């Protein structure tokens, strides 16, 4: 399995999927018949905010859908980090996910839309390494991804170590070509009962693939 480039300073901007807001409260999601999505949330002061994610084109802060909401709550969802999951009549899925991208930073709300199975990250601890891979619909996820801001970022997996009831960020790894494999040498000071892998998933055309997370037990 190929080794990866490691990064100690994790990025704070240019996320691959759609960042909505930090510290968002009571998030909600609506989708119209054209595939335009409206995200609603309240800030710490209780003020209502909206963001329109059109079927194509740039996001519009303060925007709203014009037609009725045709989405329905997806109650049997297994999407990691999700606080809201909706399904439209065409079978496509829409979600709002919440997680702390930067260790010690704010908890961000993020938007995803896709069809079929969600993003998958797998990993295990073996021979002193944490090894795994990232996939979407059987396709390896690696390399760079365009963002809604017109920038490009690498597909990135964040590795955390369990420390009591909390988690400590170790670093980030880039799944590499051709099989989206990653491998991290676990230093003695990184020994932990479990490790957490959170994948910042890429944009793939129409799909803003959902981020995903797994916990791996150290045998």
N, C-alpha and C. Protein backbone atom coordinates (compact mmCIF):
# COMPACT_ATOMS: atom_id res chain seq x y z
N UNK A 1 0.84 -1.20 0.00
CA UNK A 1 0.00 0.00 0.00
C UNK A 1 0.88 1.25 0.00
N UNK A 2 0.54 2.19 -0.82
CA UNK A 2 1.37 3.37 -0.98
C UNK A 2 1.31 4.27 0.24
N UNK A 3 2.45 4.89 0.55
CA UNK A 3 2.48 5.89 1.60
C UNK A 3 1.90 7.18 1.09
N UNK A 4 1.51 8.05 2.01
CA UNK A 4 0.89 9.32 1.64
C UNK A 4 1.74 10.47 2.08
N UNK A 5 1.50 11.61 1.46
CA UNK A 5 2.02 12.86 1.99
C UNK A 5 1.25 13.18 3.25
N UNK A 6 1.94 13.68 4.26
CA UNK A 6 1.29 14.03 5.52
C UNK A 6 1.33 15.52 5.69
N UNK A 7 0.30 16.08 6.34
CA UNK A 7 0.29 17.50 6.59
C UNK A 7 0.06 17.74 8.06
N UNK A 8 0.87 18.59 8.65
CA UNK A 8 0.72 18.91 10.07
C UNK A 8 -0.22 20.09 10.26
N UNK A 9 -0.17 21.06 9.35
CA UNK A 9 -1.05 22.23 9.43
C UNK A 9 -2.22 22.00 8.51
N UNK A 10 -3.39 21.74 9.08
CA UNK A 10 -4.56 21.41 8.27
C UNK A 10 -5.21 22.66 7.74
N UNK A 11 -5.78 22.62 6.53
CA UNK A 11 -6.36 23.82 5.91
C UNK A 11 -7.58 24.30 6.65
N UNK A 12 -7.80 25.60 6.62
CA UNK A 12 -8.97 26.18 7.27
C UNK A 12 -9.93 26.78 6.25
N UNK A 13 -9.59 26.78 4.98
CA UNK A 13 -10.45 27.37 3.96
C UNK A 13 -10.54 26.44 2.76
N UNK A 14 -11.37 26.81 1.80
CA UNK A 14 -11.50 26.10 0.53
C UNK A 14 -11.93 24.65 0.71
N UNK A 15 -12.98 24.41 1.48
CA UNK A 15 -13.46 23.05 1.67
C UNK A 15 -14.12 22.54 0.40
N UNK A 16 -14.04 21.21 0.21
CA UNK A 16 -14.49 20.63 -1.04
C UNK A 16 -16.01 20.65 -1.19
N UNK A 17 -16.75 20.25 -0.14
CA UNK A 17 -18.20 20.33 -0.23
C UNK A 17 -18.66 21.71 0.21
N UNK A 18 -19.95 21.92 0.27
CA UNK A 18 -20.46 23.27 0.48
C UNK A 18 -20.50 23.60 1.98
N UNK A 19 -19.66 24.52 2.41
CA UNK A 19 -19.71 25.01 3.78
C UNK A 19 -20.87 26.00 3.88
N UNK A 20 -21.67 25.85 4.94
CA UNK A 20 -22.83 26.71 5.13
C UNK A 20 -22.56 27.77 6.18
N UNK A 21 -22.22 27.34 7.40
CA UNK A 21 -22.00 28.29 8.49
C UNK A 21 -21.35 27.58 9.66
N UNK A 22 -20.74 28.35 10.55
CA UNK A 22 -20.23 27.81 11.81
C UNK A 22 -21.23 28.11 12.92
N UNK A 23 -21.36 27.16 13.84
CA UNK A 23 -22.24 27.38 14.98
C UNK A 23 -23.71 27.49 14.62
N UNK A 24 -24.13 26.87 13.53
CA UNK A 24 -25.52 26.96 13.09
C UNK A 24 -26.44 26.19 14.04
N UNK A 25 -27.60 26.77 14.32
CA UNK A 25 -28.60 26.15 15.17
C UNK A 25 -29.86 25.84 14.40
N UNK A 26 -30.54 24.75 14.79
CA UNK A 26 -31.81 24.35 14.19
C UNK A 26 -31.76 24.36 12.67
N UNK A 27 -30.79 23.65 12.05
CA UNK A 27 -30.72 23.66 10.59
C UNK A 27 -31.88 22.90 9.95
N UNK A 28 -32.29 23.37 8.77
CA UNK A 28 -33.37 22.74 8.02
C UNK A 28 -33.03 22.80 6.54
N UNK A 29 -33.65 21.92 5.76
CA UNK A 29 -33.32 21.79 4.35
C UNK A 29 -34.58 21.58 3.54
N UNK A 30 -34.70 22.30 2.41
CA UNK A 30 -35.82 22.18 1.49
C UNK A 30 -35.27 22.07 0.07
N UNK A 31 -35.97 21.31 -0.80
CA UNK A 31 -35.54 21.13 -2.19
C UNK A 31 -36.75 21.25 -3.09
N UNK A 32 -36.62 22.04 -4.18
CA UNK A 32 -37.75 22.20 -5.10
C UNK A 32 -37.67 21.21 -6.25
N UNK A 33 -38.65 21.29 -7.16
CA UNK A 33 -38.73 20.33 -8.27
C UNK A 33 -37.57 20.45 -9.25
N UNK A 34 -36.88 21.58 -9.28
CA UNK A 34 -35.75 21.79 -10.20
C UNK A 34 -34.42 21.36 -9.60
N UNK A 35 -34.45 20.89 -8.37
CA UNK A 35 -33.20 20.47 -7.73
C UNK A 35 -32.44 21.59 -7.07
N UNK A 36 -33.11 22.70 -6.81
CA UNK A 36 -32.50 23.78 -6.05
C UNK A 36 -32.75 23.53 -4.57
N UNK A 37 -31.72 23.70 -3.75
CA UNK A 37 -31.84 23.43 -2.32
C UNK A 37 -31.72 24.70 -1.51
N UNK A 38 -32.53 24.80 -0.48
CA UNK A 38 -32.49 25.93 0.43
C UNK A 38 -32.14 25.44 1.83
N UNK A 39 -31.07 25.99 2.38
CA UNK A 39 -30.65 25.66 3.74
C UNK A 39 -31.08 26.80 4.65
N UNK A 40 -31.68 26.46 5.79
CA UNK A 40 -32.08 27.45 6.78
C UNK A 40 -31.43 27.12 8.12
N UNK A 41 -31.05 28.14 8.87
CA UNK A 41 -30.51 27.94 10.20
C UNK A 41 -30.59 29.25 10.98
N UNK A 42 -30.38 29.16 12.28
CA UNK A 42 -30.33 30.34 13.14
C UNK A 42 -28.92 30.49 13.71
N UNK A 43 -28.50 31.75 13.88
CA UNK A 43 -27.20 31.98 14.50
C UNK A 43 -27.35 32.05 16.01
N UNK A 44 -26.25 32.37 16.71
CA UNK A 44 -26.26 32.39 18.18
C UNK A 44 -27.22 33.43 18.75
N UNK A 45 -27.54 34.45 17.96
CA UNK A 45 -28.46 35.50 18.41
C UNK A 45 -29.90 35.21 18.04
N UNK A 46 -30.13 34.06 17.39
CA UNK A 46 -31.48 33.68 17.03
C UNK A 46 -31.95 34.20 15.68
N UNK A 47 -31.07 34.84 14.93
CA UNK A 47 -31.45 35.38 13.62
C UNK A 47 -31.49 34.28 12.57
N UNK A 48 -32.50 34.32 11.72
CA UNK A 48 -32.67 33.34 10.66
C UNK A 48 -31.78 33.67 9.47
N UNK A 49 -31.13 32.66 8.91
CA UNK A 49 -30.31 32.82 7.71
C UNK A 49 -30.71 31.76 6.70
N UNK A 50 -30.51 32.05 5.42
CA UNK A 50 -30.76 31.08 4.36
C UNK A 50 -29.60 31.07 3.37
N UNK A 51 -29.47 29.95 2.69
CA UNK A 51 -28.47 29.80 1.63
C UNK A 51 -29.11 28.97 0.53
N UNK A 52 -29.05 29.47 -0.69
CA UNK A 52 -29.59 28.74 -1.84
C UNK A 52 -28.45 28.03 -2.56
N UNK A 53 -28.56 26.71 -2.71
CA UNK A 53 -27.61 25.92 -3.49
C UNK A 53 -28.34 25.49 -4.75
N UNK A 54 -28.10 26.17 -5.87
CA UNK A 54 -28.85 25.87 -7.10
C UNK A 54 -28.42 24.54 -7.71
N UNK A 55 -29.26 24.04 -8.60
CA UNK A 55 -28.92 22.80 -9.31
C UNK A 55 -27.59 22.95 -10.03
N UNK A 56 -27.37 24.12 -10.58
CA UNK A 56 -26.08 24.45 -11.20
C UNK A 56 -25.74 25.89 -10.86
N UNK A 57 -24.45 26.18 -10.75
CA UNK A 57 -24.05 27.54 -10.48
C UNK A 57 -23.62 27.76 -9.04
N UNK A 58 -23.31 29.01 -8.74
CA UNK A 58 -22.77 29.38 -7.43
C UNK A 58 -23.87 29.47 -6.37
N UNK A 59 -23.48 29.24 -5.13
CA UNK A 59 -24.42 29.36 -4.02
C UNK A 59 -24.79 30.83 -3.82
N UNK A 60 -25.98 31.06 -3.25
CA UNK A 60 -26.49 32.42 -3.08
C UNK A 60 -26.89 32.64 -1.62
N UNK A 61 -26.05 33.33 -0.82
CA UNK A 61 -26.44 33.65 0.55
C UNK A 61 -27.73 34.47 0.57
N UNK A 62 -28.66 34.10 1.43
CA UNK A 62 -29.93 34.80 1.53
C UNK A 62 -30.96 34.31 0.53
N UNK A 63 -30.57 33.43 -0.39
CA UNK A 63 -31.50 32.95 -1.40
C UNK A 63 -32.46 31.90 -0.87
N UNK A 64 -33.58 31.74 -1.58
CA UNK A 64 -34.59 30.77 -1.20
C UNK A 64 -35.17 30.11 -2.44
N UNK A 65 -35.71 28.89 -2.28
CA UNK A 65 -36.36 28.25 -3.40
C UNK A 65 -37.69 28.96 -3.66
N UNK A 66 -38.16 28.89 -4.91
CA UNK A 66 -39.40 29.57 -5.28
C UNK A 66 -40.58 28.62 -5.17
N UNK A 67 -40.42 27.39 -5.64
CA UNK A 67 -41.52 26.43 -5.60
C UNK A 67 -41.63 25.72 -4.27
N UNK A 68 -42.50 24.72 -4.23
CA UNK A 68 -42.74 23.98 -3.00
C UNK A 68 -41.60 22.99 -2.73
N UNK A 69 -41.51 22.60 -1.49
CA UNK A 69 -40.51 21.62 -1.08
C UNK A 69 -41.02 20.23 -1.43
N UNK A 70 -40.28 19.51 -2.28
CA UNK A 70 -40.70 18.17 -2.69
C UNK A 70 -39.91 17.07 -1.98
N UNK A 71 -39.01 17.44 -1.10
CA UNK A 71 -38.19 16.45 -0.40
C UNK A 71 -38.92 15.90 0.82
N UNK A 72 -38.50 14.71 1.24
CA UNK A 72 -39.07 14.06 2.42
C UNK A 72 -37.94 13.59 3.33
N UNK A 73 -38.22 13.60 4.62
CA UNK A 73 -37.20 13.19 5.57
C UNK A 73 -36.82 11.74 5.36
N UNK A 74 -35.52 11.46 5.39
CA UNK A 74 -35.00 10.11 5.23
C UNK A 74 -34.67 9.58 6.62
N UNK A 75 -35.59 8.81 7.20
CA UNK A 75 -35.44 8.41 8.60
C UNK A 75 -34.47 7.25 8.80
N UNK A 76 -34.28 6.43 7.78
CA UNK A 76 -33.42 5.25 7.92
C UNK A 76 -32.01 5.52 7.41
N UNK A 77 -31.59 6.77 7.41
CA UNK A 77 -30.30 7.11 6.86
C UNK A 77 -29.15 6.65 7.75
N UNK A 78 -28.05 6.25 7.11
CA UNK A 78 -26.83 5.89 7.82
C UNK A 78 -25.68 6.83 7.44
N UNK A 79 -26.01 8.03 7.08
CA UNK A 79 -25.01 9.00 6.65
C UNK A 79 -24.27 9.55 7.87
N UNK A 80 -22.96 9.42 7.87
CA UNK A 80 -22.16 9.90 8.99
C UNK A 80 -22.32 11.41 9.16
N UNK A 81 -22.30 11.85 10.40
CA UNK A 81 -22.24 13.27 10.74
C UNK A 81 -23.50 14.05 10.36
N UNK A 82 -24.52 13.37 9.87
CA UNK A 82 -25.70 14.07 9.35
C UNK A 82 -26.63 14.50 10.47
N UNK A 83 -27.15 15.73 10.34
CA UNK A 83 -28.20 16.23 11.24
C UNK A 83 -29.53 16.32 10.50
N UNK A 84 -29.49 16.38 9.18
CA UNK A 84 -30.68 16.38 8.34
C UNK A 84 -30.37 15.57 7.08
N UNK A 85 -31.26 14.64 6.72
CA UNK A 85 -31.14 13.91 5.44
C UNK A 85 -32.51 13.91 4.79
N UNK A 86 -32.57 14.32 3.51
CA UNK A 86 -33.81 14.39 2.76
C UNK A 86 -33.67 13.59 1.46
N UNK A 87 -34.79 13.09 0.96
CA UNK A 87 -34.82 12.39 -0.32
C UNK A 87 -35.86 13.04 -1.21
N UNK A 88 -35.52 13.23 -2.49
CA UNK A 88 -36.46 13.78 -3.45
C UNK A 88 -37.08 12.65 -4.28
N UNK A 89 -38.20 12.90 -4.97
CA UNK A 89 -38.88 11.83 -5.71
C UNK A 89 -38.01 11.11 -6.74
N UNK A 90 -36.96 11.76 -7.23
CA UNK A 90 -36.07 11.11 -8.20
C UNK A 90 -35.05 10.19 -7.53
N UNK A 91 -35.12 10.05 -6.21
CA UNK A 91 -34.24 9.14 -5.49
C UNK A 91 -32.94 9.76 -5.01
N UNK A 92 -32.71 11.02 -5.33
CA UNK A 92 -31.48 11.67 -4.90
C UNK A 92 -31.57 12.05 -3.42
N UNK A 93 -30.40 12.10 -2.80
CA UNK A 93 -30.31 12.38 -1.38
C UNK A 93 -29.64 13.72 -1.14
N UNK A 94 -30.07 14.38 -0.06
CA UNK A 94 -29.60 15.71 0.30
C UNK A 94 -29.37 15.71 1.80
N UNK A 95 -28.28 16.29 2.26
CA UNK A 95 -27.99 16.22 3.69
C UNK A 95 -27.29 17.48 4.18
N UNK A 96 -27.46 17.71 5.47
CA UNK A 96 -26.68 18.70 6.20
C UNK A 96 -25.87 17.92 7.23
N UNK A 97 -24.56 18.14 7.22
CA UNK A 97 -23.67 17.45 8.15
C UNK A 97 -22.97 18.47 9.03
N UNK A 98 -22.68 18.05 10.25
CA UNK A 98 -22.07 18.97 11.20
C UNK A 98 -20.84 18.31 11.81
N UNK A 99 -19.68 18.97 11.70
CA UNK A 99 -18.48 18.47 12.36
C UNK A 99 -17.42 19.55 12.44
N UNK A 100 -16.44 19.30 13.30
CA UNK A 100 -15.37 20.25 13.55
C UNK A 100 -14.21 19.94 12.61
N UNK A 101 -14.13 20.67 11.51
CA UNK A 101 -13.11 20.39 10.50
C UNK A 101 -11.71 20.65 11.06
N UNK A 102 -11.51 21.78 11.68
CA UNK A 102 -10.21 22.14 12.23
C UNK A 102 -10.21 21.84 13.73
N UNK A 103 -9.26 21.05 14.20
CA UNK A 103 -9.18 20.72 15.62
C UNK A 103 -9.15 21.98 16.47
N UNK A 104 -10.04 22.07 17.43
CA UNK A 104 -10.12 23.25 18.28
C UNK A 104 -10.88 24.41 17.67
N UNK A 105 -11.32 24.26 16.43
CA UNK A 105 -12.04 25.32 15.73
C UNK A 105 -13.55 25.19 15.89
N UNK A 106 -14.30 26.01 15.17
CA UNK A 106 -15.76 25.97 15.28
C UNK A 106 -16.36 24.74 14.62
N UNK A 107 -17.56 24.40 15.03
CA UNK A 107 -18.29 23.29 14.42
C UNK A 107 -19.02 23.84 13.20
N UNK A 108 -18.70 23.31 12.05
CA UNK A 108 -19.28 23.81 10.81
C UNK A 108 -20.45 22.99 10.32
N UNK A 109 -21.38 23.64 9.65
CA UNK A 109 -22.50 22.98 9.00
C UNK A 109 -22.19 22.91 7.51
N UNK A 110 -22.34 21.71 6.91
CA UNK A 110 -21.97 21.50 5.52
C UNK A 110 -23.11 20.83 4.76
N UNK A 111 -23.18 21.12 3.48
CA UNK A 111 -24.26 20.63 2.62
C UNK A 111 -23.72 19.58 1.66
N UNK A 112 -24.49 18.50 1.47
CA UNK A 112 -24.12 17.45 0.51
C UNK A 112 -25.34 17.05 -0.30
N UNK A 113 -25.09 16.60 -1.54
CA UNK A 113 -26.16 16.05 -2.38
C UNK A 113 -25.54 14.97 -3.25
N UNK A 114 -26.24 13.86 -3.42
CA UNK A 114 -25.68 12.74 -4.16
C UNK A 114 -26.79 11.76 -4.49
N UNK A 115 -26.45 10.69 -5.19
CA UNK A 115 -27.40 9.62 -5.49
C UNK A 115 -26.76 8.29 -5.12
N UNK A 116 -27.59 7.30 -4.80
CA UNK A 116 -27.06 5.98 -4.47
C UNK A 116 -26.39 5.94 -3.11
N UNK A 117 -25.39 5.08 -2.99
CA UNK A 117 -24.68 4.91 -1.73
C UNK A 117 -23.84 6.14 -1.41
N UNK A 118 -23.64 6.36 -0.12
CA UNK A 118 -22.83 7.49 0.32
C UNK A 118 -21.34 7.16 0.21
N UNK A 119 -20.52 8.14 0.50
CA UNK A 119 -19.07 7.96 0.50
C UNK A 119 -18.68 6.90 1.54
N UNK A 120 -17.63 6.15 1.23
CA UNK A 120 -17.16 5.10 2.14
C UNK A 120 -15.68 5.29 2.41
N UNK A 121 -15.29 5.25 3.69
CA UNK A 121 -13.89 5.20 4.05
C UNK A 121 -13.71 3.97 4.94
N UNK A 122 -12.69 3.19 4.65
CA UNK A 122 -12.40 2.00 5.45
C UNK A 122 -10.98 2.10 5.98
N UNK A 123 -10.74 1.49 7.14
CA UNK A 123 -9.40 1.56 7.73
C UNK A 123 -9.24 0.47 8.77
N UNK A 124 -7.98 0.14 9.07
CA UNK A 124 -7.65 -0.80 10.12
C UNK A 124 -6.25 -0.51 10.63
N UNK A 125 -5.96 -0.98 11.83
CA UNK A 125 -4.63 -0.86 12.39
C UNK A 125 -3.93 -2.20 12.21
N UNK A 126 -2.78 -2.18 11.54
CA UNK A 126 -2.04 -3.41 11.29
C UNK A 126 -0.56 -3.11 11.22
N UNK A 127 0.24 -3.90 11.93
CA UNK A 127 1.69 -3.79 11.92
C UNK A 127 2.16 -2.37 12.20
N UNK A 128 1.53 -1.73 13.18
CA UNK A 128 1.95 -0.40 13.58
C UNK A 128 1.54 0.72 12.66
N UNK A 129 0.63 0.44 11.74
CA UNK A 129 0.16 1.46 10.82
C UNK A 129 -1.37 1.50 10.80
N UNK A 130 -1.88 2.68 10.51
CA UNK A 130 -3.29 2.84 10.22
C UNK A 130 -3.41 2.90 8.71
N UNK A 131 -4.05 1.90 8.12
CA UNK A 131 -4.14 1.84 6.66
C UNK A 131 -5.61 1.80 6.24
N UNK A 132 -5.91 2.34 5.07
CA UNK A 132 -7.28 2.33 4.60
C UNK A 132 -7.40 2.86 3.19
N UNK A 133 -8.65 3.14 2.79
CA UNK A 133 -8.91 3.69 1.46
C UNK A 133 -10.25 4.40 1.45
N UNK A 134 -10.47 5.23 0.43
CA UNK A 134 -11.68 6.04 0.30
C UNK A 134 -12.34 5.73 -1.05
N UNK A 135 -13.67 5.50 -1.03
CA UNK A 135 -14.39 5.12 -2.24
C UNK A 135 -15.74 5.83 -2.33
N UNK A 136 -16.21 6.00 -3.56
CA UNK A 136 -17.57 6.48 -3.81
C UNK A 136 -18.10 5.76 -5.04
N UNK A 137 -19.17 4.97 -4.85
CA UNK A 137 -19.75 4.17 -5.93
C UNK A 137 -18.71 3.28 -6.59
N UNK A 138 -17.83 2.71 -5.76
CA UNK A 138 -16.80 1.83 -6.27
C UNK A 138 -15.62 2.53 -6.92
N UNK A 139 -15.62 3.85 -6.88
CA UNK A 139 -14.57 4.63 -7.51
C UNK A 139 -13.62 5.17 -6.45
N UNK A 140 -12.30 4.96 -6.60
CA UNK A 140 -11.35 5.50 -5.63
C UNK A 140 -11.40 7.03 -5.60
N UNK A 141 -11.34 7.59 -4.40
CA UNK A 141 -11.36 9.04 -4.23
C UNK A 141 -9.96 9.53 -3.89
N UNK A 142 -9.36 10.28 -4.77
CA UNK A 142 -8.03 10.83 -4.53
C UNK A 142 -7.84 12.03 -5.44
N UNK A 143 -6.74 12.75 -5.24
CA UNK A 143 -6.41 13.87 -6.10
C UNK A 143 -7.10 15.15 -5.68
N UNK A 144 -7.35 16.03 -6.65
CA UNK A 144 -7.91 17.35 -6.35
C UNK A 144 -9.38 17.41 -6.73
N UNK A 145 -10.08 18.36 -6.11
CA UNK A 145 -11.51 18.53 -6.34
C UNK A 145 -11.83 20.00 -6.46
N UNK A 146 -12.69 20.41 -7.42
CA UNK A 146 -13.11 21.81 -7.49
C UNK A 146 -14.08 22.13 -6.37
N UNK A 147 -14.13 23.38 -5.95
CA UNK A 147 -15.06 23.81 -4.92
C UNK A 147 -16.06 24.77 -5.53
N UNK A 148 -17.09 25.10 -4.74
CA UNK A 148 -18.10 26.03 -5.23
C UNK A 148 -17.54 27.44 -5.37
N UNK A 149 -16.37 27.69 -4.77
CA UNK A 149 -15.73 29.00 -4.88
C UNK A 149 -14.74 29.04 -6.05
N UNK A 150 -14.70 27.97 -6.84
CA UNK A 150 -13.82 27.94 -8.00
C UNK A 150 -12.40 27.55 -7.67
N UNK A 151 -12.14 27.14 -6.43
CA UNK A 151 -10.81 26.71 -6.03
C UNK A 151 -10.70 25.21 -6.18
N UNK A 152 -9.49 24.68 -5.93
CA UNK A 152 -9.27 23.24 -6.00
C UNK A 152 -8.53 22.79 -4.75
N UNK A 153 -9.02 21.73 -4.13
CA UNK A 153 -8.39 21.19 -2.93
C UNK A 153 -8.25 19.68 -3.07
N UNK A 154 -7.35 19.12 -2.30
CA UNK A 154 -7.16 17.68 -2.33
C UNK A 154 -8.18 16.96 -1.45
N UNK A 155 -8.56 15.76 -1.88
CA UNK A 155 -9.34 14.88 -1.02
C UNK A 155 -8.47 14.58 0.19
N UNK A 156 -9.04 14.70 1.38
CA UNK A 156 -8.23 14.66 2.60
C UNK A 156 -8.93 13.87 3.69
N UNK A 157 -8.16 13.03 4.39
CA UNK A 157 -8.66 12.30 5.55
C UNK A 157 -7.96 12.82 6.80
N UNK A 158 -8.75 13.20 7.81
CA UNK A 158 -8.23 13.68 9.08
C UNK A 158 -8.15 12.50 10.05
N UNK A 159 -7.03 12.36 10.73
CA UNK A 159 -6.82 11.26 11.66
C UNK A 159 -6.77 11.80 13.08
N UNK A 160 -7.63 11.27 13.96
CA UNK A 160 -7.66 11.65 15.37
C UNK A 160 -7.40 10.42 16.22
N UNK A 161 -6.79 10.62 17.39
CA UNK A 161 -6.55 9.55 18.35
C UNK A 161 -7.44 9.76 19.57
N UNK A 162 -7.98 8.66 20.08
CA UNK A 162 -8.82 8.76 21.26
C UNK A 162 -7.97 9.08 22.48
N UNK A 163 -8.43 10.05 23.26
CA UNK A 163 -7.74 10.46 24.48
C UNK A 163 -8.79 10.61 25.58
N UNK A 164 -9.02 9.52 26.33
CA UNK A 164 -10.09 9.53 27.32
C UNK A 164 -11.44 9.63 26.63
N UNK A 165 -12.22 10.65 27.00
CA UNK A 165 -13.53 10.84 26.38
C UNK A 165 -13.49 11.80 25.21
N UNK A 166 -12.30 12.26 24.83
CA UNK A 166 -12.16 13.21 23.73
C UNK A 166 -11.23 12.66 22.65
N UNK A 167 -10.99 13.48 21.64
CA UNK A 167 -10.14 13.08 20.53
C UNK A 167 -9.07 14.13 20.29
N UNK A 168 -7.88 13.67 19.92
CA UNK A 168 -6.76 14.56 19.63
C UNK A 168 -6.37 14.43 18.17
N UNK A 169 -6.32 15.54 17.45
CA UNK A 169 -5.96 15.52 16.04
C UNK A 169 -4.48 15.17 15.88
N UNK A 170 -4.19 14.18 15.06
CA UNK A 170 -2.82 13.82 14.74
C UNK A 170 -2.35 14.60 13.52
N UNK A 171 -2.95 14.34 12.39
CA UNK A 171 -2.64 15.07 11.16
C UNK A 171 -3.63 14.66 10.08
N UNK A 172 -3.36 15.06 8.86
CA UNK A 172 -4.21 14.70 7.73
C UNK A 172 -3.40 13.93 6.70
N UNK A 173 -4.05 13.04 5.98
CA UNK A 173 -3.39 12.26 4.94
C UNK A 173 -4.17 12.38 3.63
N UNK A 174 -3.45 12.30 2.52
CA UNK A 174 -4.07 12.38 1.20
C UNK A 174 -4.15 10.98 0.58
N UNK A 175 -5.35 10.44 0.36
CA UNK A 175 -5.44 9.20 -0.40
C UNK A 175 -4.77 9.36 -1.76
N UNK A 176 -4.01 8.34 -2.15
CA UNK A 176 -3.17 8.46 -3.33
C UNK A 176 -3.64 7.58 -4.48
N UNK A 177 -3.27 7.98 -5.67
CA UNK A 177 -3.54 7.22 -6.89
C UNK A 177 -2.72 5.92 -6.86
N UNK A 178 -3.24 4.81 -7.43
CA UNK A 178 -4.50 4.72 -8.19
C UNK A 178 -5.68 4.19 -7.38
N UNK A 179 -5.44 3.72 -6.15
CA UNK A 179 -6.51 3.03 -5.43
C UNK A 179 -7.04 3.79 -4.22
N UNK A 180 -6.67 5.06 -4.08
CA UNK A 180 -7.12 5.91 -2.97
C UNK A 180 -6.72 5.35 -1.62
N UNK A 181 -5.56 4.67 -1.57
CA UNK A 181 -5.09 4.09 -0.32
C UNK A 181 -4.36 5.13 0.51
N UNK A 182 -4.42 4.96 1.83
CA UNK A 182 -3.61 5.79 2.71
C UNK A 182 -2.99 4.91 3.79
N UNK A 183 -1.85 5.34 4.31
CA UNK A 183 -1.12 4.58 5.31
C UNK A 183 -0.38 5.54 6.23
N UNK A 184 -0.62 5.42 7.53
CA UNK A 184 0.00 6.30 8.50
C UNK A 184 0.76 5.48 9.53
N UNK A 185 2.07 5.74 9.65
CA UNK A 185 2.89 5.10 10.67
C UNK A 185 2.51 5.68 12.03
N UNK A 186 2.09 4.82 12.94
CA UNK A 186 1.66 5.26 14.26
C UNK A 186 2.86 5.35 15.20
N UNK A 187 3.31 6.54 15.48
CA UNK A 187 4.43 6.75 16.38
C UNK A 187 4.06 6.27 17.78
N UNK A 188 5.07 5.92 18.60
CA UNK A 188 4.78 5.47 19.97
C UNK A 188 3.93 6.46 20.77
N UNK A 189 4.20 7.75 20.58
CA UNK A 189 3.43 8.76 21.32
C UNK A 189 2.00 8.90 20.82
N UNK A 190 1.68 8.27 19.69
CA UNK A 190 0.32 8.31 19.15
C UNK A 190 -0.49 7.08 19.54
N UNK A 191 0.06 6.23 20.38
CA UNK A 191 -0.65 5.01 20.78
C UNK A 191 -1.97 5.39 21.46
N UNK A 192 -3.05 4.74 21.05
CA UNK A 192 -4.38 5.06 21.56
C UNK A 192 -5.27 3.83 21.43
N UNK A 193 -6.33 3.74 22.24
CA UNK A 193 -7.24 2.59 22.14
C UNK A 193 -8.05 2.58 20.84
N UNK A 194 -8.21 3.76 20.23
CA UNK A 194 -8.97 3.83 18.97
C UNK A 194 -8.55 5.07 18.19
N UNK A 195 -8.82 5.03 16.91
CA UNK A 195 -8.51 6.15 16.02
C UNK A 195 -9.76 6.49 15.22
N UNK A 196 -9.89 7.76 14.88
CA UNK A 196 -11.04 8.24 14.13
C UNK A 196 -10.57 8.80 12.80
N UNK A 197 -11.22 8.36 11.73
CA UNK A 197 -10.88 8.83 10.38
C UNK A 197 -12.08 9.58 9.82
N UNK A 198 -11.90 10.85 9.48
CA UNK A 198 -12.97 11.66 8.91
C UNK A 198 -12.54 12.11 7.53
N UNK A 199 -13.28 11.72 6.52
CA UNK A 199 -12.93 12.04 5.14
C UNK A 199 -13.66 13.28 4.67
N UNK A 200 -12.92 14.29 4.24
CA UNK A 200 -13.50 15.44 3.57
C UNK A 200 -13.67 15.05 2.10
N UNK A 201 -14.90 14.73 1.75
CA UNK A 201 -15.16 14.15 0.43
C UNK A 201 -15.17 15.22 -0.66
N UNK A 202 -14.97 14.81 -1.92
CA UNK A 202 -14.84 15.77 -3.02
C UNK A 202 -16.16 16.10 -3.70
N UNK A 203 -16.12 17.13 -4.53
CA UNK A 203 -17.20 17.42 -5.47
C UNK A 203 -16.93 16.65 -6.75
N UNK A 204 -17.95 15.96 -7.24
CA UNK A 204 -17.81 15.18 -8.46
C UNK A 204 -18.92 15.58 -9.42
N UNK A 205 -18.71 16.67 -10.12
CA UNK A 205 -19.75 17.16 -11.01
C UNK A 205 -20.94 17.67 -10.21
N UNK A 206 -22.12 17.10 -10.49
CA UNK A 206 -23.32 17.53 -9.77
C UNK A 206 -23.26 17.16 -8.30
N UNK A 207 -22.64 16.03 -8.00
CA UNK A 207 -22.65 15.50 -6.63
C UNK A 207 -21.64 16.23 -5.75
N UNK A 208 -22.13 16.70 -4.61
CA UNK A 208 -21.26 17.15 -3.52
C UNK A 208 -21.27 15.99 -2.53
N UNK A 209 -20.36 15.05 -2.73
CA UNK A 209 -20.41 13.80 -1.98
C UNK A 209 -20.29 14.04 -0.48
N UNK A 210 -21.06 13.28 0.31
CA UNK A 210 -21.07 13.53 1.76
C UNK A 210 -19.75 13.16 2.42
N UNK A 211 -19.37 13.95 3.41
CA UNK A 211 -18.22 13.60 4.24
C UNK A 211 -18.59 12.35 5.04
N UNK A 212 -17.58 11.62 5.51
CA UNK A 212 -17.87 10.40 6.24
C UNK A 212 -16.83 10.17 7.33
N UNK A 213 -17.21 9.40 8.33
CA UNK A 213 -16.33 9.16 9.48
C UNK A 213 -16.47 7.73 9.98
N UNK A 214 -15.36 7.13 10.39
CA UNK A 214 -15.37 5.82 11.04
C UNK A 214 -14.45 5.86 12.24
N UNK A 215 -14.67 4.95 13.17
CA UNK A 215 -13.80 4.77 14.33
C UNK A 215 -13.18 3.38 14.21
N UNK A 216 -11.86 3.31 14.37
CA UNK A 216 -11.11 2.08 14.22
C UNK A 216 -10.50 1.71 15.57
N UNK A 217 -10.78 0.52 16.05
CA UNK A 217 -10.22 0.06 17.32
C UNK A 217 -8.80 -0.44 17.13
N UNK A 218 -7.94 -0.10 18.06
CA UNK A 218 -6.56 -0.57 18.03
C UNK A 218 -6.52 -1.96 18.67
N UNK A 219 -6.21 -3.01 17.90
CA UNK A 219 -6.27 -4.38 18.44
C UNK A 219 -5.19 -4.62 19.51
